[in-house]
């Protein structure tokens, strides 16, 4: 039986490295690339109307599908089928909830390291996933 691996994927170089790592290092993995459309938060969301919000959400989901097409192509180049899924929410929470509800064995994700001194080695989403995940997490740099 192959190991079920969840790879949060946003098309960035770190997420591409995570997907390639998964395909190369795990024997015959069952891989799902997960694109998370972030939910807008904060003060400005109170001023958006529902039509504008729906149109932006549709565009974001389309962009997610296009990004995941790249993930599928990467898998095909390496002889691996990559399933894909687009979901909406707060990225770290969604990754954890999806991994647990769909019974994945491992999460493999890239590290961005873009925010502040405390995030030099790990991006904030990766850091939150590592801290809270009930399953193993591999962070690829």
Protein backbone atom coordinates (compact mmCIF):
# COMPACT_ATOMS: atom_id res chain seq x y z
CA UNK A 1 0.00 0.00 0.00
CA UNK A 2 1.40 3.40 -0.94
CA UNK A 3 1.77 6.25 1.48
CA UNK A 4 -0.74 9.10 1.15
CA UNK A 5 1.11 12.41 0.90
CA UNK A 6 -0.43 15.89 0.99
CA UNK A 7 1.60 18.63 -0.67
CA UNK A 8 0.35 22.19 -0.16
CA UNK A 9 1.08 23.73 -3.56
CA UNK A 10 0.98 27.38 -4.66
CA UNK A 11 3.29 27.26 -7.68
CA UNK A 12 6.19 28.87 -5.82
CA UNK A 13 9.72 27.46 -6.06
CA UNK A 14 9.52 25.97 -2.53
CA UNK A 15 6.23 24.21 -3.26
CA UNK A 16 7.64 22.85 -6.53
CA UNK A 17 10.66 21.52 -4.63
CA UNK A 18 8.34 19.89 -2.10
CA UNK A 19 6.37 18.15 -4.86
CA UNK A 20 9.52 16.94 -6.62
CA UNK A 21 10.97 15.75 -3.30
CA UNK A 22 7.79 13.78 -2.61
CA UNK A 23 7.83 12.10 -6.01
CA UNK A 24 11.55 11.27 -5.80
CA UNK A 25 11.88 10.19 -2.16
CA UNK A 26 8.68 8.28 -1.43
CA UNK A 27 8.17 4.90 -3.06
CA UNK A 28 5.06 4.96 -5.27
CA UNK A 29 3.32 7.73 -3.30
CA UNK A 30 -0.37 8.60 -3.51
CA UNK A 31 0.09 12.39 -3.90
CA UNK A 32 -2.43 15.20 -3.61
CA UNK A 33 -1.40 18.77 -4.38
CA UNK A 34 -3.58 21.17 -2.38
CA UNK A 35 -4.08 24.80 -3.41
CA UNK A 36 -5.59 27.05 -0.76
CA UNK A 37 -7.46 30.18 -1.80
CA UNK A 38 -6.97 32.46 1.22
CA UNK A 39 -10.05 34.03 2.75
CA UNK A 40 -9.70 37.80 3.06
CA UNK A 41 -9.57 38.95 6.64
CA UNK A 42 -9.65 42.25 8.41
CA UNK A 43 -11.18 45.67 8.23
CA UNK A 44 -11.45 46.02 4.44
CA UNK A 45 -13.58 42.92 3.97
CA UNK A 46 -16.51 44.78 5.53
CA UNK A 47 -16.60 47.07 2.48
CA UNK A 48 -16.73 44.41 -0.23
CA UNK A 49 -20.07 43.57 -1.78
CA UNK A 50 -21.16 39.99 -2.38
CA UNK A 51 -20.94 40.17 -6.19
CA UNK A 52 -17.38 41.47 -6.08
CA UNK A 53 -16.43 38.87 -3.50
CA UNK A 54 -17.93 36.03 -5.60
CA UNK A 55 -16.14 37.20 -8.77
CA UNK A 56 -12.81 37.42 -6.93
CA UNK A 57 -13.34 33.97 -5.42
CA UNK A 58 -14.05 32.51 -8.86
CA UNK A 59 -10.90 34.11 -10.29
CA UNK A 60 -8.84 32.81 -7.37
CA UNK A 61 -10.20 29.27 -7.84
CA UNK A 62 -9.40 29.44 -11.59
CA UNK A 63 -5.87 30.57 -10.77
CA UNK A 64 -5.62 27.68 -8.32
CA UNK A 65 -6.68 25.19 -11.01
CA UNK A 66 -4.09 26.61 -13.43
CA UNK A 67 -1.41 26.36 -10.76
CA UNK A 68 -2.39 22.77 -10.03
CA UNK A 69 -2.18 21.95 -13.74
CA UNK A 70 1.56 22.61 -13.34
CA UNK A 71 1.67 20.18 -10.41
CA UNK A 72 -0.04 17.49 -12.51
CA UNK A 73 2.46 18.11 -15.34
CA UNK A 74 5.38 17.79 -12.92
CA UNK A 75 3.96 14.49 -11.69
CA UNK A 76 3.47 13.23 -15.25
CA UNK A 77 7.08 14.12 -16.13
CA UNK A 78 8.18 11.87 -13.26
CA UNK A 79 5.67 9.09 -13.96
CA UNK A 80 3.48 9.91 -10.97
CA UNK A 81 -0.23 10.72 -10.96
CA UNK A 82 -0.88 13.79 -8.84
CA UNK A 83 -4.41 14.38 -7.61
CA UNK A 84 -5.34 18.00 -7.04
CA UNK A 85 -7.76 19.94 -4.90
CA UNK A 86 -8.63 23.63 -4.52
CA UNK A 87 -10.03 24.69 -1.15
CA UNK A 88 -10.76 28.03 0.51
CA UNK A 89 -9.76 29.19 3.97
CA UNK A 90 -6.86 30.16 6.18
CA UNK A 91 -3.95 28.20 4.67
CA UNK A 92 -2.44 26.62 7.78
CA UNK A 93 -5.83 25.62 9.21
CA UNK A 94 -7.07 24.25 5.90
CA UNK A 95 -3.94 22.16 5.35
CA UNK A 96 -4.23 20.61 8.81
CA UNK A 97 -7.99 19.98 8.58
CA UNK A 98 -7.72 18.53 5.08
CA UNK A 99 -4.82 16.25 6.01
CA UNK A 100 -6.68 14.92 9.01
CA UNK A 101 -10.13 14.56 7.43
CA UNK A 102 -8.76 12.79 4.36
CA UNK A 103 -6.40 10.58 6.43
CA UNK A 104 -3.04 11.47 4.91
CA UNK A 105 0.10 9.85 6.28
CA UNK A 106 2.48 12.77 5.75
CA UNK A 107 2.47 16.44 4.76
CA UNK A 108 5.38 17.59 2.60
CA UNK A 109 5.63 21.33 2.15
CA UNK A 110 8.02 24.01 1.06
CA UNK A 111 9.34 26.70 3.34
CA UNK A 112 9.08 30.31 2.26
CA UNK A 113 10.98 32.04 5.03
CA UNK A 114 9.74 35.47 3.95
CA UNK A 115 8.42 37.02 7.17
CA UNK A 116 10.63 38.55 9.85
CA UNK A 117 13.56 37.25 11.82
CA UNK A 118 11.63 34.48 13.57
CA UNK A 119 10.59 33.09 10.19
CA UNK A 120 14.05 32.96 8.61
CA UNK A 121 14.08 29.17 8.40
CA UNK A 122 10.36 28.46 8.13
CA UNK A 123 7.49 30.35 6.53
CA UNK A 124 4.60 31.20 8.83
CA UNK A 125 2.22 28.66 7.27
CA UNK A 126 4.86 25.91 7.42
CA UNK A 127 5.69 26.84 11.00
CA UNK A 128 2.04 26.64 12.09
CA UNK A 129 1.54 23.32 10.30
CA UNK A 130 4.68 21.84 11.88
CA UNK A 131 3.62 22.98 15.35
CA UNK A 132 0.04 21.71 15.15
CA UNK A 133 0.07 18.68 12.88
CA UNK A 134 -0.89 15.31 14.35
CA UNK A 135 0.90 13.59 11.44
CA UNK A 136 4.53 13.86 10.29
CA UNK A 137 5.48 16.98 8.34
CA UNK A 138 8.50 17.22 6.05
CA UNK A 139 9.63 20.75 5.25
CA UNK A 140 11.69 21.06 2.08
CA UNK A 141 14.09 24.00 1.61
